[in-house]
Amino acid sequence: MSKERVIVIGGDAAGMSAASQARRRDPELEIIAFERGAYTSYSA
């Protein structure tokens, strides 16, 4: 059985907020975030 995966495009506050919400719903979920810029938001 394959593991479920979520891919987040954009590492700003909205993208990291979506990743945090997905993690709360399913702690076993694999989350991959793509960010084009040099910095990622850790405020979510």
N, C-alpha and C. Protein backbone atom coordinates (compact mmCIF):
# COMPACT_ATOMS: atom_id res chain seq x y z
N MET A 1 0.85 -1.17 0.00
CA MET A 1 0.00 0.00 0.00
C MET A 1 0.90 1.24 0.00
N SER A 2 0.57 2.21 -0.84
CA SER A 2 1.39 3.42 -0.90
C SER A 2 0.96 4.43 0.15
N LYS A 3 1.92 5.24 0.57
CA LYS A 3 1.69 6.27 1.56
C LYS A 3 1.05 7.49 0.90
N GLU A 4 0.12 8.13 1.59
CA GLU A 4 -0.49 9.34 1.04
C GLU A 4 0.50 10.48 1.13
N ARG A 5 0.42 11.39 0.15
CA ARG A 5 1.37 12.49 0.05
C ARG A 5 0.62 13.76 -0.34
N VAL A 6 1.02 14.88 0.26
CA VAL A 6 0.50 16.19 -0.09
C VAL A 6 1.68 17.02 -0.57
N ILE A 7 1.49 17.70 -1.69
CA ILE A 7 2.53 18.58 -2.21
C ILE A 7 2.02 20.01 -2.11
N VAL A 8 2.79 20.86 -1.46
CA VAL A 8 2.44 22.26 -1.25
C VAL A 8 3.33 23.10 -2.16
N ILE A 9 2.71 23.94 -2.98
CA ILE A 9 3.45 24.84 -3.85
C ILE A 9 3.44 26.21 -3.20
N GLY A 10 4.61 26.67 -2.78
CA GLY A 10 4.74 27.97 -2.13
C GLY A 10 5.01 27.83 -0.64
N GLY A 11 6.11 28.38 -0.20
CA GLY A 11 6.51 28.27 1.20
C GLY A 11 6.18 29.49 2.02
N ASP A 12 5.25 30.32 1.54
CA ASP A 12 4.87 31.50 2.32
C ASP A 12 3.90 31.07 3.42
N ALA A 13 3.30 32.02 4.09
CA ALA A 13 2.43 31.72 5.23
C ALA A 13 1.24 30.84 4.84
N ALA A 14 0.64 31.09 3.69
CA ALA A 14 -0.52 30.29 3.27
C ALA A 14 -0.13 28.85 2.99
N GLY A 15 0.98 28.63 2.32
CA GLY A 15 1.42 27.27 2.03
C GLY A 15 1.78 26.50 3.28
N MET A 16 2.48 27.13 4.21
CA MET A 16 2.86 26.45 5.44
C MET A 16 1.66 26.24 6.35
N SER A 17 0.68 27.14 6.29
CA SER A 17 -0.55 26.96 7.05
C SER A 17 -1.31 25.75 6.53
N ALA A 18 -1.36 25.58 5.22
CA ALA A 18 -2.02 24.41 4.62
C ALA A 18 -1.30 23.12 5.02
N ALA A 19 0.04 23.16 5.03
CA ALA A 19 0.81 21.99 5.44
C ALA A 19 0.57 21.66 6.91
N SER A 20 0.49 22.66 7.76
CA SER A 20 0.23 22.45 9.18
C SER A 20 -1.15 21.84 9.40
N GLN A 21 -2.13 22.33 8.67
CA GLN A 21 -3.50 21.80 8.79
C GLN A 21 -3.55 20.34 8.33
N ALA A 22 -2.86 20.04 7.24
CA ALA A 22 -2.82 18.66 6.76
C ALA A 22 -2.15 17.75 7.78
N ARG A 23 -1.08 18.22 8.42
CA ARG A 23 -0.37 17.43 9.43
C ARG A 23 -1.28 17.16 10.63
N ARG A 24 -2.07 18.16 11.05
CA ARG A 24 -2.99 17.97 12.17
C ARG A 24 -4.05 16.92 11.85
N ARG A 25 -4.51 16.91 10.61
CA ARG A 25 -5.54 15.95 10.22
C ARG A 25 -5.01 14.54 10.09
N ASP A 26 -3.76 14.41 9.62
CA ASP A 26 -3.18 13.08 9.42
C ASP A 26 -1.69 13.11 9.74
N PRO A 27 -1.31 12.70 10.96
CA PRO A 27 0.10 12.75 11.36
C PRO A 27 1.02 11.85 10.52
N GLU A 28 0.48 10.86 9.83
CA GLU A 28 1.28 9.94 9.02
C GLU A 28 1.48 10.43 7.58
N LEU A 29 0.85 11.52 7.22
CA LEU A 29 0.90 12.06 5.86
C LEU A 29 2.29 12.55 5.52
N GLU A 30 2.75 12.26 4.30
CA GLU A 30 4.02 12.80 3.83
C GLU A 30 3.74 14.15 3.18
N ILE A 31 4.44 15.19 3.63
CA ILE A 31 4.22 16.54 3.12
C ILE A 31 5.50 17.03 2.47
N ILE A 32 5.37 17.48 1.21
CA ILE A 32 6.51 18.03 0.48
C ILE A 32 6.14 19.45 0.08
N ALA A 33 7.02 20.40 0.39
CA ALA A 33 6.77 21.81 0.06
C ALA A 33 7.82 22.30 -0.92
N PHE A 34 7.38 22.98 -1.95
CA PHE A 34 8.26 23.59 -2.94
C PHE A 34 8.20 25.11 -2.79
N GLU A 35 9.36 25.74 -2.73
CA GLU A 35 9.44 27.20 -2.64
C GLU A 35 10.53 27.67 -3.60
N ARG A 36 10.20 28.62 -4.43
CA ARG A 36 11.14 29.13 -5.41
C ARG A 36 12.16 30.08 -4.79
N GLY A 37 11.75 30.85 -3.80
CA GLY A 37 12.64 31.84 -3.19
C GLY A 37 13.64 31.23 -2.22
N ALA A 38 14.48 32.06 -1.70
CA ALA A 38 15.54 31.60 -0.79
C ALA A 38 15.05 31.40 0.63
N TYR A 39 13.89 31.94 0.99
CA TYR A 39 13.41 31.90 2.37
C TYR A 39 12.07 31.20 2.47
N THR A 40 11.85 30.48 3.56
CA THR A 40 10.59 29.81 3.84
C THR A 40 10.00 30.41 5.11
N SER A 41 8.68 30.59 5.13
CA SER A 41 8.00 31.13 6.30
C SER A 41 7.82 30.04 7.34
N TYR A 42 8.21 30.31 8.57
CA TYR A 42 8.01 29.37 9.67
C TYR A 42 6.97 29.92 10.65
N SER A 43 6.17 30.89 10.23
CA SER A 43 5.24 31.53 11.14
C SER A 43 3.91 30.80 11.25
N ALA A 44 3.65 29.83 10.41
CA ALA A 44 2.35 29.16 10.43
C ALA A 44 2.25 28.13 11.53
